[in-house]
Amino acid sequence: MRYARPVLLLAIGLLGGIFLVFSWQNSLALRSVSIRINEGQREHVDHSLAGFGSAHRLPDYKVKLRVSRRLLAIDLGTRLDTSATNWLEFAVSDIVPLRHVQEVIIIEDDKVENDPLDRIQGNQLEQQGRAFQRRLTVDRSFEVGMKWFFSTPIGEAVTIALVVLILALTAQAFRR
């Protein structure tokens, strides 16, 4: 009985350490998506009739993000009359775990019909598609890591074990 309290505290510390390590390893959250047109690719331009609308010839780029566990794609917005020869950055306002990113869709946002320009699949930080390059910017988020941990069987088992150990430690303290 003399060694029960230190063993319980050691077990709680070990399980808490497992929680922190696994949560930290899986805590990458998407902050922004940047795109630029590949070298040698011609940029799509809007049509103009007899010079009318030539001020708005540059494309209107819209970026959508397809994420697992969500029914609809996340719309990251549109950049009007902008060239993608340099990096265009689109901020992600939702909390999106990097491991849930499935695809980035680049669209020419027209008034008549939207034209999909490229689809880049995967969640690597930098990736090249058919016509565009895509770069993902990530940050660590404790909330993302914690949600991942508690949604796994290991996380559930560690949580149950922690509760049981804390109850045992509390019961031991009341017996004295």
N, C-alpha and C. Protein backbone atom coordinates (compact mmCIF):
# COMPACT_ATOMS: atom_id res chain seq x y z
N MET A 1 0.82 -1.20 0.00
CA MET A 1 0.00 0.00 0.00
C MET A 1 0.85 1.25 0.00
N ARG A 2 2.07 1.13 0.52
CA ARG A 2 2.94 2.27 0.64
C ARG A 2 3.37 2.78 -0.74
N TYR A 3 3.46 1.90 -1.71
CA TYR A 3 3.92 2.27 -3.04
C TYR A 3 2.77 2.54 -4.02
N ALA A 4 1.55 2.40 -3.57
CA ALA A 4 0.41 2.55 -4.46
C ALA A 4 0.29 3.97 -4.99
N ARG A 5 0.45 4.95 -4.12
CA ARG A 5 0.29 6.35 -4.54
C ARG A 5 1.35 6.75 -5.58
N PRO A 6 2.64 6.48 -5.36
CA PRO A 6 3.63 6.83 -6.39
C PRO A 6 3.40 6.09 -7.72
N VAL A 7 2.95 4.86 -7.66
CA VAL A 7 2.68 4.10 -8.89
C VAL A 7 1.51 4.71 -9.64
N LEU A 8 0.45 5.10 -8.91
CA LEU A 8 -0.69 5.75 -9.55
C LEU A 8 -0.28 7.08 -10.18
N LEU A 9 0.51 7.87 -9.47
CA LEU A 9 0.97 9.15 -10.02
C LEU A 9 1.85 8.94 -11.25
N LEU A 10 2.71 7.94 -11.22
CA LEU A 10 3.57 7.62 -12.36
C LEU A 10 2.72 7.21 -13.57
N ALA A 11 1.71 6.37 -13.33
CA ALA A 11 0.82 5.92 -14.42
C ALA A 11 0.04 7.10 -15.01
N ILE A 12 -0.44 7.99 -14.15
CA ILE A 12 -1.16 9.17 -14.63
C ILE A 12 -0.23 10.05 -15.46
N GLY A 13 0.99 10.24 -15.00
CA GLY A 13 1.97 11.04 -15.74
C GLY A 13 2.31 10.41 -17.09
N LEU A 14 2.45 9.08 -17.12
CA LEU A 14 2.76 8.38 -18.36
C LEU A 14 1.61 8.51 -19.36
N LEU A 15 0.38 8.30 -18.91
CA LEU A 15 -0.78 8.42 -19.80
C LEU A 15 -0.97 9.87 -20.27
N GLY A 16 -0.73 10.81 -19.38
CA GLY A 16 -0.80 12.23 -19.77
C GLY A 16 0.27 12.56 -20.80
N GLY A 17 1.46 11.99 -20.65
CA GLY A 17 2.53 12.19 -21.63
C GLY A 17 2.16 11.61 -22.98
N ILE A 18 1.54 10.43 -23.00
CA ILE A 18 1.08 9.83 -24.25
C ILE A 18 0.07 10.75 -24.92
N PHE A 19 -0.85 11.29 -24.14
CA PHE A 19 -1.84 12.23 -24.68
C PHE A 19 -1.15 13.44 -25.33
N LEU A 20 -0.20 14.04 -24.63
CA LEU A 20 0.47 15.24 -25.15
C LEU A 20 1.28 14.95 -26.41
N VAL A 21 2.02 13.84 -26.42
CA VAL A 21 2.86 13.50 -27.58
C VAL A 21 2.00 13.22 -28.81
N PHE A 22 0.99 12.37 -28.67
CA PHE A 22 0.13 12.04 -29.81
C PHE A 22 -0.67 13.25 -30.29
N SER A 23 -1.13 14.07 -29.37
CA SER A 23 -1.88 15.28 -29.76
C SER A 23 -0.98 16.24 -30.52
N TRP A 24 0.25 16.42 -30.06
CA TRP A 24 1.17 17.33 -30.72
C TRP A 24 1.51 16.83 -32.13
N GLN A 25 1.73 15.52 -32.27
CA GLN A 25 2.09 14.96 -33.57
C GLN A 25 0.98 15.12 -34.60
N ASN A 26 -0.25 15.19 -34.17
CA ASN A 26 -1.39 15.26 -35.08
C ASN A 26 -2.13 16.59 -34.97
N SER A 27 -1.40 17.67 -34.71
CA SER A 27 -2.04 18.96 -34.46
C SER A 27 -1.90 19.96 -35.60
N LEU A 28 -1.48 19.53 -36.79
CA LEU A 28 -1.31 20.47 -37.89
C LEU A 28 -2.67 20.90 -38.45
N ALA A 29 -2.88 22.21 -38.47
CA ALA A 29 -4.12 22.79 -39.00
C ALA A 29 -3.79 23.70 -40.17
N LEU A 30 -4.61 23.66 -41.20
CA LEU A 30 -4.41 24.45 -42.40
C LEU A 30 -4.75 25.91 -42.13
N ARG A 31 -3.85 26.82 -42.49
CA ARG A 31 -4.07 28.26 -42.30
C ARG A 31 -4.32 28.99 -43.61
N SER A 32 -3.63 28.56 -44.70
CA SER A 32 -3.85 29.21 -45.99
C SER A 32 -3.44 28.29 -47.13
N VAL A 33 -3.99 28.60 -48.30
CA VAL A 33 -3.67 27.89 -49.54
C VAL A 33 -3.16 28.95 -50.51
N SER A 34 -1.99 28.71 -51.09
CA SER A 34 -1.43 29.62 -52.09
C SER A 34 -1.33 28.89 -53.42
N ILE A 35 -1.59 29.63 -54.50
CA ILE A 35 -1.52 29.03 -55.85
C ILE A 35 -0.72 29.94 -56.76
N ARG A 36 -0.12 29.35 -57.77
CA ARG A 36 0.48 30.11 -58.86
C ARG A 36 0.52 29.22 -60.09
N ILE A 37 0.50 29.87 -61.24
CA ILE A 37 0.47 29.14 -62.50
C ILE A 37 1.86 28.57 -62.78
N ASN A 38 1.90 27.37 -63.36
CA ASN A 38 3.16 26.72 -63.67
C ASN A 38 3.93 27.50 -64.75
N GLU A 39 5.26 27.39 -64.71
CA GLU A 39 6.10 28.00 -65.74
C GLU A 39 5.69 27.46 -67.10
N GLY A 40 5.60 28.34 -68.09
CA GLY A 40 5.27 27.91 -69.44
C GLY A 40 3.78 27.81 -69.73
N GLN A 41 2.95 27.89 -68.71
CA GLN A 41 1.49 27.83 -68.92
C GLN A 41 0.99 29.23 -69.25
N ARG A 42 0.05 29.31 -70.16
CA ARG A 42 -0.59 30.58 -70.47
C ARG A 42 -1.73 30.80 -69.49
N GLU A 43 -1.80 32.02 -69.02
CA GLU A 43 -2.87 32.35 -68.07
C GLU A 43 -4.17 32.59 -68.83
N HIS A 44 -5.24 32.06 -68.31
CA HIS A 44 -6.57 32.23 -68.89
C HIS A 44 -6.93 33.71 -68.80
N VAL A 45 -7.47 34.26 -69.88
CA VAL A 45 -7.90 35.67 -69.85
C VAL A 45 -9.38 35.74 -70.20
N ASP A 46 -10.04 36.73 -69.66
CA ASP A 46 -11.45 36.95 -69.96
C ASP A 46 -11.57 37.54 -71.37
N HIS A 47 -12.65 37.23 -72.01
CA HIS A 47 -12.88 37.73 -73.36
C HIS A 47 -13.34 39.18 -73.31
N SER A 48 -12.93 39.92 -74.33
CA SER A 48 -13.42 41.30 -74.45
C SER A 48 -13.89 41.50 -75.88
N LEU A 49 -14.86 42.33 -76.03
CA LEU A 49 -15.45 42.57 -77.34
C LEU A 49 -15.12 43.99 -77.79
N ALA A 50 -14.33 44.11 -78.86
CA ALA A 50 -13.93 45.41 -79.44
C ALA A 50 -13.35 46.34 -78.39
N GLY A 51 -12.54 45.80 -77.48
CA GLY A 51 -11.89 46.62 -76.47
C GLY A 51 -12.69 46.85 -75.21
N PHE A 52 -13.98 46.55 -75.25
CA PHE A 52 -14.79 46.72 -74.05
C PHE A 52 -14.48 45.60 -73.07
N GLY A 53 -14.24 45.95 -71.85
CA GLY A 53 -13.93 44.95 -70.84
C GLY A 53 -12.47 44.58 -70.77
N SER A 54 -11.63 45.30 -71.53
CA SER A 54 -10.20 44.95 -71.52
C SER A 54 -9.55 45.27 -70.18
N ALA A 55 -10.17 46.15 -69.39
CA ALA A 55 -9.63 46.46 -68.06
C ALA A 55 -9.82 45.28 -67.11
N HIS A 56 -10.72 44.37 -67.47
CA HIS A 56 -11.00 43.23 -66.61
C HIS A 56 -10.62 41.92 -67.29
N ARG A 57 -9.56 41.94 -68.08
CA ARG A 57 -9.14 40.75 -68.82
C ARG A 57 -8.50 39.69 -67.93
N LEU A 58 -7.87 40.11 -66.85
CA LEU A 58 -7.22 39.13 -65.98
C LEU A 58 -8.27 38.22 -65.36
N PRO A 59 -7.91 37.00 -65.07
CA PRO A 59 -8.90 36.05 -64.55
C PRO A 59 -9.32 36.37 -63.12
N ASP A 60 -10.49 35.85 -62.76
CA ASP A 60 -10.99 35.91 -61.39
C ASP A 60 -10.81 34.51 -60.81
N TYR A 61 -9.79 34.33 -59.97
CA TYR A 61 -9.48 33.01 -59.43
C TYR A 61 -10.29 32.73 -58.17
N LYS A 62 -10.97 31.62 -58.16
CA LYS A 62 -11.69 31.13 -56.99
C LYS A 62 -11.03 29.82 -56.57
N VAL A 63 -10.86 29.63 -55.26
CA VAL A 63 -10.27 28.40 -54.75
C VAL A 63 -11.26 27.75 -53.79
N LYS A 64 -11.46 26.45 -54.00
CA LYS A 64 -12.29 25.65 -53.10
C LYS A 64 -11.46 24.53 -52.54
N LEU A 65 -11.81 24.13 -51.34
CA LEU A 65 -11.06 23.10 -50.62
C LEU A 65 -12.00 21.95 -50.30
N ARG A 66 -11.69 20.77 -50.80
CA ARG A 66 -12.47 19.58 -50.49
C ARG A 66 -11.82 18.90 -49.29
N VAL A 67 -12.63 18.67 -48.25
CA VAL A 67 -12.14 18.16 -46.98
C VAL A 67 -12.96 16.93 -46.60
N SER A 68 -12.28 15.91 -46.09
CA SER A 68 -13.02 14.73 -45.64
C SER A 68 -13.86 15.09 -44.41
N ARG A 69 -14.93 14.37 -44.22
CA ARG A 69 -15.87 14.56 -43.12
C ARG A 69 -16.71 15.83 -43.26
N ARG A 70 -16.72 16.42 -44.46
CA ARG A 70 -17.58 17.57 -44.74
C ARG A 70 -18.29 17.30 -46.05
N LEU A 71 -19.56 17.62 -46.09
CA LEU A 71 -20.36 17.35 -47.27
C LEU A 71 -20.00 18.29 -48.42
N LEU A 72 -19.87 19.57 -48.14
CA LEU A 72 -19.61 20.56 -49.19
C LEU A 72 -18.17 21.06 -49.12
N ALA A 73 -17.66 21.49 -50.26
CA ALA A 73 -16.31 22.06 -50.32
C ALA A 73 -16.31 23.42 -49.61
N ILE A 74 -15.18 23.78 -49.05
CA ILE A 74 -15.02 25.07 -48.38
C ILE A 74 -14.58 26.09 -49.42
N ASP A 75 -15.34 27.17 -49.56
CA ASP A 75 -15.02 28.23 -50.51
C ASP A 75 -14.05 29.20 -49.82
N LEU A 76 -12.85 29.34 -50.38
CA LEU A 76 -11.85 30.22 -49.79
C LEU A 76 -11.88 31.63 -50.37
N GLY A 77 -12.81 31.88 -51.29
CA GLY A 77 -12.96 33.22 -51.82
C GLY A 77 -12.47 33.34 -53.25
N THR A 78 -12.60 34.56 -53.78
CA THR A 78 -12.24 34.86 -55.16
C THR A 78 -11.34 36.08 -55.19
N ARG A 79 -10.31 36.03 -56.02
CA ARG A 79 -9.45 37.18 -56.28
C ARG A 79 -9.82 37.71 -57.67
N LEU A 80 -10.41 38.89 -57.71
CA LEU A 80 -10.88 39.48 -58.97
C LEU A 80 -9.73 40.10 -59.75
N ASP A 81 -9.75 39.91 -61.06
CA ASP A 81 -8.79 40.54 -61.98
C ASP A 81 -7.36 40.45 -61.47
N THR A 82 -6.91 39.25 -61.27
CA THR A 82 -5.60 39.01 -60.67
C THR A 82 -4.81 38.01 -61.48
N SER A 83 -3.54 38.24 -61.57
CA SER A 83 -2.65 37.29 -62.25
C SER A 83 -2.10 36.31 -61.23
N ALA A 84 -1.93 35.07 -61.65
CA ALA A 84 -1.38 34.05 -60.75
C ALA A 84 0.06 33.72 -61.11
N THR A 85 0.76 34.66 -61.76
CA THR A 85 2.17 34.41 -62.06
C THR A 85 3.00 34.46 -60.79
N ASN A 86 2.56 35.22 -59.81
CA ASN A 86 3.14 35.20 -58.46
C ASN A 86 2.14 34.49 -57.55
N TRP A 87 2.58 34.12 -56.38
CA TRP A 87 1.71 33.38 -55.45
C TRP A 87 0.51 34.21 -55.03
N LEU A 88 -0.68 33.61 -55.11
CA LEU A 88 -1.91 34.19 -54.58
C LEU A 88 -2.28 33.40 -53.33
N GLU A 89 -2.50 34.09 -52.23
CA GLU A 89 -2.79 33.40 -50.97
C GLU A 89 -4.26 33.55 -50.62
N PHE A 90 -4.86 32.43 -50.22
CA PHE A 90 -6.26 32.38 -49.79
C PHE A 90 -6.28 31.87 -48.35
N ALA A 91 -6.77 32.70 -47.42
CA ALA A 91 -6.81 32.33 -46.00
C ALA A 91 -7.92 31.31 -45.75
N VAL A 92 -7.68 30.41 -44.80
CA VAL A 92 -8.67 29.42 -44.38
C VAL A 92 -9.20 29.87 -43.03
N SER A 93 -10.49 30.20 -42.97
CA SER A 93 -11.05 30.72 -41.73
C SER A 93 -11.53 29.61 -40.79
N ASP A 94 -11.86 28.44 -41.34
CA ASP A 94 -12.30 27.31 -40.51
C ASP A 94 -11.09 26.58 -39.93
N ILE A 95 -11.34 25.76 -38.91
CA ILE A 95 -10.29 24.90 -38.39
C ILE A 95 -10.33 23.62 -39.22
N VAL A 96 -9.29 23.44 -40.05
CA VAL A 96 -9.21 22.29 -40.95
C VAL A 96 -7.94 21.52 -40.65
N PRO A 97 -8.05 20.30 -40.11
CA PRO A 97 -6.85 19.50 -39.90
C PRO A 97 -6.19 19.15 -41.24
N LEU A 98 -4.88 19.23 -41.31
CA LEU A 98 -4.17 18.96 -42.55
C LEU A 98 -4.47 17.56 -43.06
N ARG A 99 -4.61 16.59 -42.18
CA ARG A 99 -4.84 15.21 -42.62
C ARG A 99 -6.20 15.03 -43.27
N HIS A 100 -7.13 16.00 -43.14
CA HIS A 100 -8.45 15.91 -43.76
C HIS A 100 -8.51 16.55 -45.14
N VAL A 101 -7.45 17.26 -45.55
CA VAL A 101 -7.44 17.91 -46.86
C VAL A 101 -7.37 16.84 -47.94
N GLN A 102 -8.32 16.88 -48.86
CA GLN A 102 -8.36 15.91 -49.96
C GLN A 102 -7.96 16.53 -51.29
N GLU A 103 -8.42 17.77 -51.55
CA GLU A 103 -8.23 18.34 -52.87
C GLU A 103 -8.39 19.85 -52.83
N VAL A 104 -7.58 20.53 -53.63
CA VAL A 104 -7.73 21.97 -53.85
C VAL A 104 -8.22 22.15 -55.28
N ILE A 105 -9.32 22.88 -55.44
CA ILE A 105 -9.92 23.10 -56.76
C ILE A 105 -9.74 24.57 -57.13
N ILE A 106 -9.12 24.82 -58.28
CA ILE A 106 -8.88 26.18 -58.77
C ILE A 106 -9.85 26.43 -59.91
N ILE A 107 -10.62 27.52 -59.79
CA ILE A 107 -11.72 27.80 -60.73
C ILE A 107 -11.56 29.21 -61.28
N GLU A 108 -11.84 29.35 -62.58
CA GLU A 108 -11.96 30.68 -63.19
C GLU A 108 -13.40 31.10 -62.97
N ASP A 109 -13.61 32.09 -62.12
CA ASP A 109 -14.94 32.53 -61.72
C ASP A 109 -15.48 33.54 -62.74
N ASP A 110 -16.29 33.04 -63.67
CA ASP A 110 -16.87 33.89 -64.72
C ASP A 110 -18.31 34.25 -64.37
N LYS A 111 -18.80 35.30 -65.00
CA LYS A 111 -20.19 35.68 -64.81
C LYS A 111 -21.13 34.69 -65.48
N VAL A 112 -20.71 34.13 -66.61
CA VAL A 112 -21.56 33.22 -67.37
C VAL A 112 -21.42 31.79 -66.85
N GLU A 113 -20.19 31.28 -66.85
CA GLU A 113 -19.97 29.90 -66.42
C GLU A 113 -18.60 29.80 -65.77
N ASN A 114 -18.53 29.13 -64.63
CA ASN A 114 -17.26 28.92 -63.95
C ASN A 114 -16.50 27.78 -64.61
N ASP A 115 -15.22 28.00 -64.89
CA ASP A 115 -14.39 26.99 -65.53
C ASP A 115 -13.41 26.42 -64.53
N PRO A 116 -13.48 25.11 -64.23
CA PRO A 116 -12.46 24.51 -63.37
C PRO A 116 -11.12 24.48 -64.12
N LEU A 117 -10.10 25.07 -63.54
CA LEU A 117 -8.80 25.15 -64.19
C LEU A 117 -7.87 24.02 -63.77
N ASP A 118 -7.93 23.60 -62.51
CA ASP A 118 -7.05 22.54 -62.03
C ASP A 118 -7.62 21.96 -60.75
N ARG A 119 -7.32 20.68 -60.54
CA ARG A 119 -7.66 19.98 -59.29
C ARG A 119 -6.38 19.34 -58.81
N ILE A 120 -5.95 19.72 -57.62
CA ILE A 120 -4.71 19.17 -57.07
C ILE A 120 -5.08 18.36 -55.83
N GLN A 121 -4.89 17.06 -55.92
CA GLN A 121 -5.29 16.16 -54.84
C GLN A 121 -4.12 15.89 -53.89
N GLY A 122 -4.47 15.57 -52.65
CA GLY A 122 -3.48 15.23 -51.64
C GLY A 122 -3.31 16.33 -50.61
N ASN A 123 -2.55 16.01 -49.57
CA ASN A 123 -2.34 16.99 -48.51
C ASN A 123 -0.86 17.26 -48.25
N GLN A 124 -0.01 17.04 -49.26
CA GLN A 124 1.39 17.43 -49.13
C GLN A 124 1.46 18.95 -49.10
N LEU A 125 2.49 19.49 -48.43
CA LEU A 125 2.57 20.94 -48.26
C LEU A 125 2.78 21.66 -49.58
N GLU A 126 3.59 21.10 -50.49
CA GLU A 126 3.77 21.69 -51.81
C GLU A 126 3.51 20.62 -52.84
N GLN A 127 2.75 21.00 -53.86
CA GLN A 127 2.37 20.02 -54.87
C GLN A 127 2.12 20.74 -56.18
N GLN A 128 2.41 20.06 -57.27
CA GLN A 128 2.20 20.64 -58.58
C GLN A 128 1.09 19.88 -59.29
N GLY A 129 0.17 20.65 -59.87
CA GLY A 129 -0.90 20.07 -60.64
C GLY A 129 -0.62 20.20 -62.12
N ARG A 130 -1.64 19.99 -62.91
CA ARG A 130 -1.52 20.06 -64.35
C ARG A 130 -1.13 21.48 -64.81
N ALA A 131 -1.78 22.50 -64.26
CA ALA A 131 -1.55 23.88 -64.69
C ALA A 131 -1.06 24.80 -63.57
N PHE A 132 -1.22 24.37 -62.31
CA PHE A 132 -0.91 25.25 -61.18
C PHE A 132 -0.04 24.53 -60.15
N GLN A 133 0.67 25.32 -59.37
CA GLN A 133 1.36 24.83 -58.18
C GLN A 133 0.52 25.25 -56.98
N ARG A 134 0.57 24.41 -55.94
CA ARG A 134 -0.21 24.71 -54.75
C ARG A 134 0.69 24.56 -53.54
N ARG A 135 0.57 25.50 -52.61
CA ARG A 135 1.36 25.46 -51.37
C ARG A 135 0.40 25.64 -50.19
N LEU A 136 0.51 24.76 -49.21
CA LEU A 136 -0.32 24.84 -48.01
C LEU A 136 0.52 25.39 -46.86
N THR A 137 -0.05 26.33 -46.11
CA THR A 137 0.59 26.86 -44.92
C THR A 137 -0.15 26.30 -43.71
N VAL A 138 0.60 25.75 -42.76
CA VAL A 138 -0.01 25.11 -41.60
C VAL A 138 0.53 25.70 -40.30
N ASP A 139 -0.21 25.49 -39.25
CA ASP A 139 0.15 25.86 -37.88
C ASP A 139 -0.21 24.71 -36.97
N ARG A 140 0.36 24.70 -35.82
CA ARG A 140 -0.03 23.70 -34.82
C ARG A 140 -1.23 24.24 -34.04
N SER A 141 -2.21 23.38 -33.80
CA SER A 141 -3.41 23.77 -33.07
C SER A 141 -3.69 22.69 -32.03
N PHE A 142 -3.70 23.07 -30.77
CA PHE A 142 -3.97 22.10 -29.71
C PHE A 142 -5.36 21.50 -29.87
N GLU A 143 -6.31 22.32 -30.32
CA GLU A 143 -7.68 21.84 -30.51
C GLU A 143 -7.73 20.72 -31.56
N VAL A 144 -7.00 20.88 -32.66
CA VAL A 144 -6.97 19.86 -33.71
C VAL A 144 -6.36 18.57 -33.18
N GLY A 145 -5.25 18.69 -32.47
CA GLY A 145 -4.59 17.51 -31.91
C GLY A 145 -5.45 16.80 -30.88
N MET A 146 -6.11 17.57 -30.05
CA MET A 146 -6.97 17.00 -29.01
C MET A 146 -8.18 16.28 -29.63
N LYS A 147 -8.79 16.90 -30.64
CA LYS A 147 -9.93 16.24 -31.30
C LYS A 147 -9.49 14.94 -31.96
N TRP A 148 -8.30 14.95 -32.57
CA TRP A 148 -7.81 13.72 -33.19
C TRP A 148 -7.62 12.64 -32.12
N PHE A 149 -6.98 13.00 -31.03
CA PHE A 149 -6.66 12.02 -29.99
C PHE A 149 -7.92 11.38 -29.43
N PHE A 150 -8.92 12.19 -29.12
CA PHE A 150 -10.13 11.64 -28.50
C PHE A 150 -11.04 10.92 -29.49
N SER A 151 -10.75 11.02 -30.78
CA SER A 151 -11.55 10.29 -31.76
C SER A 151 -10.93 8.94 -32.14
N THR A 152 -9.80 8.59 -31.53
CA THR A 152 -9.15 7.31 -31.83
C THR A 152 -9.41 6.30 -30.71
N PRO A 153 -9.32 5.01 -31.00
CA PRO A 153 -9.47 3.99 -29.95
C PRO A 153 -8.41 4.13 -28.85
N ILE A 154 -7.19 4.49 -29.24
CA ILE A 154 -6.13 4.68 -28.22
C ILE A 154 -6.49 5.84 -27.30
N GLY A 155 -7.00 6.92 -27.88
CA GLY A 155 -7.40 8.07 -27.08
C GLY A 155 -8.52 7.74 -26.10
N GLU A 156 -9.48 6.96 -26.57
CA GLU A 156 -10.57 6.54 -25.68
C GLU A 156 -10.05 5.65 -24.56
N ALA A 157 -9.15 4.73 -24.89
CA ALA A 157 -8.59 3.84 -23.86
C ALA A 157 -7.76 4.61 -22.84
N VAL A 158 -6.95 5.55 -23.31
CA VAL A 158 -6.13 6.36 -22.39
C VAL A 158 -7.04 7.22 -21.51
N THR A 159 -8.10 7.77 -22.06
CA THR A 159 -9.03 8.58 -21.27
C THR A 159 -9.69 7.75 -20.18
N ILE A 160 -10.16 6.57 -20.53
CA ILE A 160 -10.78 5.68 -19.54
C ILE A 160 -9.78 5.31 -18.46
N ALA A 161 -8.56 4.96 -18.88
CA ALA A 161 -7.52 4.60 -17.90
C ALA A 161 -7.19 5.77 -16.98
N LEU A 162 -7.12 6.98 -17.54
CA LEU A 162 -6.84 8.15 -16.71
C LEU A 162 -7.96 8.39 -15.68
N VAL A 163 -9.19 8.25 -16.11
CA VAL A 163 -10.32 8.44 -15.18
C VAL A 163 -10.26 7.40 -14.07
N VAL A 164 -10.01 6.15 -14.42
CA VAL A 164 -9.93 5.08 -13.41
C VAL A 164 -8.79 5.34 -12.44
N LEU A 165 -7.62 5.75 -12.96
CA LEU A 165 -6.47 6.01 -12.08
C LEU A 165 -6.73 7.21 -11.17
N ILE A 166 -7.34 8.25 -11.68
CA ILE A 166 -7.64 9.42 -10.85
C ILE A 166 -8.66 9.06 -9.77
N LEU A 167 -9.66 8.25 -10.14
CA LEU A 167 -10.63 7.80 -9.13
C LEU A 167 -9.96 6.94 -8.07
N ALA A 168 -9.03 6.09 -8.48
CA ALA A 168 -8.30 5.24 -7.52
C ALA A 168 -7.45 6.10 -6.60
N LEU A 169 -6.80 7.09 -7.15
CA LEU A 169 -5.98 7.99 -6.34
C LEU A 169 -6.83 8.78 -5.36
N THR A 170 -8.00 9.24 -5.81
CA THR A 170 -8.92 9.97 -4.93
C THR A 170 -9.46 9.08 -3.84
N ALA A 171 -9.83 7.84 -4.18
CA ALA A 171 -10.34 6.90 -3.19
C ALA A 171 -9.27 6.60 -2.14
N GLN A 172 -8.04 6.47 -2.60
CA GLN A 172 -6.94 6.19 -1.66
C GLN A 172 -6.73 7.37 -0.71
N ALA A 173 -6.89 8.59 -1.21
CA ALA A 173 -6.71 9.77 -0.36
C ALA A 173 -7.81 9.87 0.69
N PHE A 174 -9.04 9.43 0.35
CA PHE A 174 -10.14 9.48 1.31
C PHE A 174 -10.06 8.38 2.36
N ARG A 175 -9.36 7.31 2.04
CA ARG A 175 -9.23 6.22 3.03
C ARG A 175 -8.32 6.59 4.18
N ARG A 176 -7.52 7.54 4.00
CA ARG A 176 -6.57 7.90 5.05
C ARG A 176 -7.19 8.70 6.12
